[in-house]
Every structure is written in structure tokens, then in C-alpha cells.
Amino acid sequence: MKLARREKYLVSVAASCIAIFLVFQFVIFPFFENRRRIQRGLKAKEKGLEEIVKLRAEYDTYQKGSQGIQQTLARRKKGFTLFSFLEKAAGEAEVKPHIKSMKPSVSSGTGPYKESMVEMKLEAITLQQLVEYLYRIESPDDLVNIKRISISQNKKEQGCLDAILQVITFQ
């Protein structure tokens, strides 16, 4: 098959275009697509790493808090019980006669510490007595906190309050 010079030129140009198309289609485009895919994967891994670093910092914070709890519990008096602590504070704050009930309970947690809770009901106390009692029982030194408090006006005595407290500590 004999082709004229012009036809040979056109066939060469067509073959070159097909070769360039094939190079782009099977070499260059896949290269750039893989590069973009790797960059997206890298960004995802970087986000994962940032999350791990953030979680590690949070874990360290909790670990330090746990060590603080251990130290506080070690400094606490031997034989410390929340019930007796609250009863002693009630005597000091002169609200012992106003205690209607005290219900102790211990929760079984999964961690190294058990949460000890006492729910107590106080009736017909003044605001001053309540404040003084709360001041005495909220003790970071003994790791005693008020979890929940409910205050209502006493219906029998004017100017007096009823309170229900949930006080917790760790053992």
C-alpha cells in the first residue's frame, strides 16, 4: 500500500494523537488520580492522628485526676464514712433535730472507686442553717460533693425551708 506524502503526514499525526491519548489515559491521568487519592488518605490519617493526640491529652487529664482522688482518699481519716461525716456536720451546724431521714447507698461502679451516696431530708430549717450546713459538708478535702439539692418552702412554719440533699463521695 502506497500512500502519498500528505496521507503519510495525516496518518503520522493521527498515530501521534492516539499515542498521546493513550499515554494520558493510561499513564498521566491514573498518576494524578492516585496522587489525589493518596493526599485524601493522608488528610484522613492526619485527622485520625489529631483525634488520637486529643484523646491522649484527655486521658492524661483523667489520669491526673484519678491520682488526685487517690491522694485525697489517702489523706482522709481512717474509717471515714459519709453518713457519720454528714451527721457530725449536722451537729455542728445545729440542724440535727431537723433531719427527717438519711438513706445511705453505695453504687457498684466499674472503676477503681465506689461512689457512696446519702440522701437526706431536712425539714423546717432556716436559710442560714441550710447555708451553714452546705458550707460544712461541701468538702474538697474529704472529697464530699452535693450531687443534687431540692429546696422547697415549708408549709407548716413561716420562713422555714425543706431540703432534700444527695451527697456523694468516693471510697
Protein backbone atom coordinates (compact mmCIF):
# COMPACT_ATOMS: atom_id res chain seq x y z
CA MET A 1 0.00 0.00 0.00
CA LYS A 2 1.48 3.22 -1.17
CA LEU A 3 0.46 6.46 0.44
CA ALA A 4 1.07 9.92 -0.73
CA ARG A 5 3.17 12.25 1.34
CA ARG A 6 0.15 14.13 2.56
CA GLU A 7 -1.58 10.89 3.60
CA LYS A 8 1.56 9.72 5.41
CA TYR A 9 1.60 13.01 7.28
CA LEU A 10 -2.07 12.62 8.31
CA VAL A 11 -1.52 9.01 9.38
CA SER A 12 1.51 10.14 11.45
CA VAL A 13 -0.49 12.92 13.07
CA ALA A 14 -3.38 10.52 13.82
CA ALA A 15 -0.98 7.90 15.24
CA SER A 16 0.70 10.60 17.35
CA CYS A 17 -2.69 11.81 18.64
CA ILE A 18 -3.70 8.24 19.50
CA ALA A 19 -0.35 7.65 21.23
CA ILE A 20 -0.67 10.90 23.20
CA PHE A 21 -4.26 9.98 24.12
CA LEU A 22 -3.16 6.52 25.32
CA VAL A 23 -0.28 7.99 27.33
CA PHE A 24 -2.63 10.47 29.00
CA GLN A 25 -5.37 7.89 29.53
CA PHE A 26 -3.21 5.10 30.94
CA VAL A 27 -0.21 6.91 32.47
CA ILE A 28 -0.77 10.56 33.34
CA PHE A 29 -4.45 10.54 34.44
CA PRO A 30 -4.01 7.46 36.69
CA PHE A 31 -0.88 9.02 38.19
CA PHE A 32 -2.73 12.21 39.16
CA GLU A 33 -5.77 10.24 40.36
CA ASN A 34 -3.56 8.09 42.59
CA ARG A 35 -1.84 11.19 43.85
CA ARG A 36 -5.20 12.79 44.78
CA ARG A 37 -6.36 9.55 46.42
CA ILE A 38 -3.14 9.35 48.46
CA GLN A 39 -3.49 13.00 49.51
CA ARG A 40 -7.10 12.39 50.65
CA GLY A 41 -5.94 9.32 52.55
CA LEU A 42 -3.15 11.34 54.13
CA LYS A 43 -5.59 14.04 55.25
CA ALA A 44 -7.85 11.37 56.76
CA LYS A 45 -4.89 9.81 58.58
CA GLU A 46 -3.79 13.25 59.84
CA LYS A 47 -7.29 13.87 61.22
CA GLY A 48 -7.19 10.46 62.87
CA LEU A 49 -3.81 11.25 64.39
CA GLU A 50 -5.07 14.60 65.68
CA GLU A 51 -8.01 12.80 67.28
CA ILE A 52 -5.65 10.29 68.89
CA VAL A 53 -3.48 13.12 70.27
CA LYS A 54 -6.58 14.87 71.62
CA LEU A 55 -7.82 11.66 73.25
CA ARG A 56 -4.38 11.07 74.73
CA ALA A 57 -4.40 14.53 76.32
CA GLU A 58 -7.89 13.87 77.68
CA TYR A 59 -6.74 10.50 79.05
CA ASP A 60 -3.75 12.16 80.74
CA THR A 61 -6.09 14.71 82.34
CA TYR A 62 -8.31 11.94 83.69
CA GLN A 63 -5.27 10.00 84.87
CA LYS A 64 -4.01 13.03 86.81
CA GLY A 65 -7.49 13.50 88.28
CA SER A 66 -7.53 9.86 89.31
CA GLN A 67 -4.17 10.27 91.03
CA GLY A 68 -5.56 13.35 92.78
CA ILE A 69 -8.50 11.29 94.01
CA GLN A 70 -6.10 8.60 95.26
CA GLN A 71 -4.06 11.18 97.15
CA THR A 72 -7.18 12.77 98.65
CA LEU A 73 -8.53 9.40 99.72
CA ALA A 74 -5.15 8.54 101.28
CA ARG A 75 -5.17 11.79 103.31
CA ARG A 76 -8.70 11.16 104.58
CA LYS A 77 -9.08 9.83 108.12
CA LYS A 78 -9.16 6.07 108.60
CA GLY A 79 -12.69 4.71 108.90
CA PHE A 80 -14.24 7.73 107.14
CA THR A 81 -17.91 7.21 106.30
CA LEU A 82 -20.13 9.70 104.55
CA PHE A 83 -23.02 9.01 106.91
CA SER A 84 -21.02 9.86 110.05
CA PHE A 85 -19.43 12.88 108.31
CA LEU A 86 -22.87 14.30 107.49
CA GLU A 87 -24.18 13.55 110.96
CA LYS A 88 -21.22 15.31 112.61
CA ALA A 89 -21.60 18.33 110.32
CA ALA A 90 -25.33 18.45 111.12
CA GLY A 91 -24.50 18.61 114.82
CA GLU A 92 -22.01 21.45 114.23
CA ALA A 93 -24.48 23.38 112.08
CA GLU A 94 -27.28 22.71 114.59
CA VAL A 95 -29.59 21.09 112.03
CA LYS A 96 -29.51 17.61 113.57
CA PRO A 97 -33.02 17.94 115.09
CA HIS A 98 -34.34 18.89 111.63
CA ILE A 99 -33.14 15.71 109.90
CA LYS A 100 -36.20 13.75 108.84
CA SER A 101 -34.33 10.86 107.19
CA MET A 102 -30.93 9.74 105.93
CA LYS A 103 -30.66 6.91 103.40
CA PRO A 104 -27.14 5.67 102.61
CA SER A 105 -26.35 3.73 99.43
CA VAL A 106 -23.25 2.52 97.61
CA SER A 107 -23.15 2.22 93.83
CA SER A 108 -21.15 -0.56 92.27
CA GLY A 109 -19.11 1.20 89.61
CA THR A 110 -16.79 -0.37 87.07
CA GLY A 111 -13.83 1.81 88.03
CA PRO A 112 -11.45 1.52 90.95
CA TYR A 113 -13.67 3.70 93.17
CA LYS A 114 -17.12 3.12 94.59
CA GLU A 115 -19.50 6.04 94.85
CA SER A 116 -21.07 6.33 98.28
CA MET A 117 -24.24 8.42 98.46
CA VAL A 118 -26.53 9.58 101.24
CA GLU A 119 -29.92 11.10 100.55
CA MET A 120 -31.14 13.20 103.42
CA LYS A 121 -34.30 15.16 104.09
CA LEU A 122 -34.21 18.27 106.24
CA GLU A 123 -37.44 19.88 107.42
CA ALA A 124 -38.25 23.29 108.88
CA ILE A 125 -34.75 24.82 108.73
CA THR A 126 -33.86 28.44 108.15
CA LEU A 127 -31.92 29.61 105.14
CA GLN A 128 -28.99 30.49 107.39
CA GLN A 129 -28.91 26.97 108.84
CA LEU A 130 -29.06 25.43 105.37
CA VAL A 131 -26.24 27.62 104.07
CA GLU A 132 -24.07 26.85 107.07
CA TYR A 133 -24.72 23.13 106.71
CA LEU A 134 -23.96 23.17 102.98
CA TYR A 135 -20.75 25.07 103.70
CA ARG A 136 -19.68 22.38 106.17
CA ILE A 137 -20.46 19.36 104.01
CA GLU A 138 -19.14 20.56 100.64
CA SER A 139 -15.57 19.47 101.31
CA PRO A 140 -12.97 19.04 98.59
CA ASP A 141 -10.50 17.91 101.27
CA ASP A 142 -12.69 14.92 102.10
CA LEU A 143 -13.93 14.51 98.52
CA VAL A 144 -17.54 15.17 99.51
CA ASN A 145 -19.85 16.85 96.99
CA ILE A 146 -23.51 17.67 96.70
CA LYS A 147 -24.88 15.84 93.70
CA ARG A 148 -28.41 17.20 93.82
CA ILE A 149 -30.39 19.53 96.03
CA SER A 150 -34.08 20.29 96.12
CA ILE A 151 -35.32 23.17 98.28
CA SER A 152 -38.95 23.99 98.94
CA GLN A 153 -40.81 26.27 101.30
CA ASN A 154 -42.09 24.61 104.48
CA LYS A 155 -45.88 24.69 104.55
CA LYS A 156 -46.21 24.46 108.35
CA GLU A 157 -43.70 27.07 109.56
CA GLN A 158 -43.40 30.52 108.05
CA GLY A 159 -39.87 31.45 106.86
CA CYS A 160 -38.57 27.88 107.01
CA LEU A 161 -37.43 25.55 104.25
CA ASP A 162 -37.47 21.85 103.49
CA ALA A 163 -34.48 20.42 101.63
CA ILE A 164 -33.61 17.11 100.06
CA LEU A 165 -29.88 16.60 99.50
CA GLN A 166 -27.99 13.91 97.66
CA VAL A 167 -24.42 13.96 98.90
CA ILE A 168 -21.72 11.78 97.33
CA THR A 169 -18.14 10.75 97.94
CA PHE A 170 -15.78 8.09 96.68
CA GLN A 171 -14.35 5.13 98.58
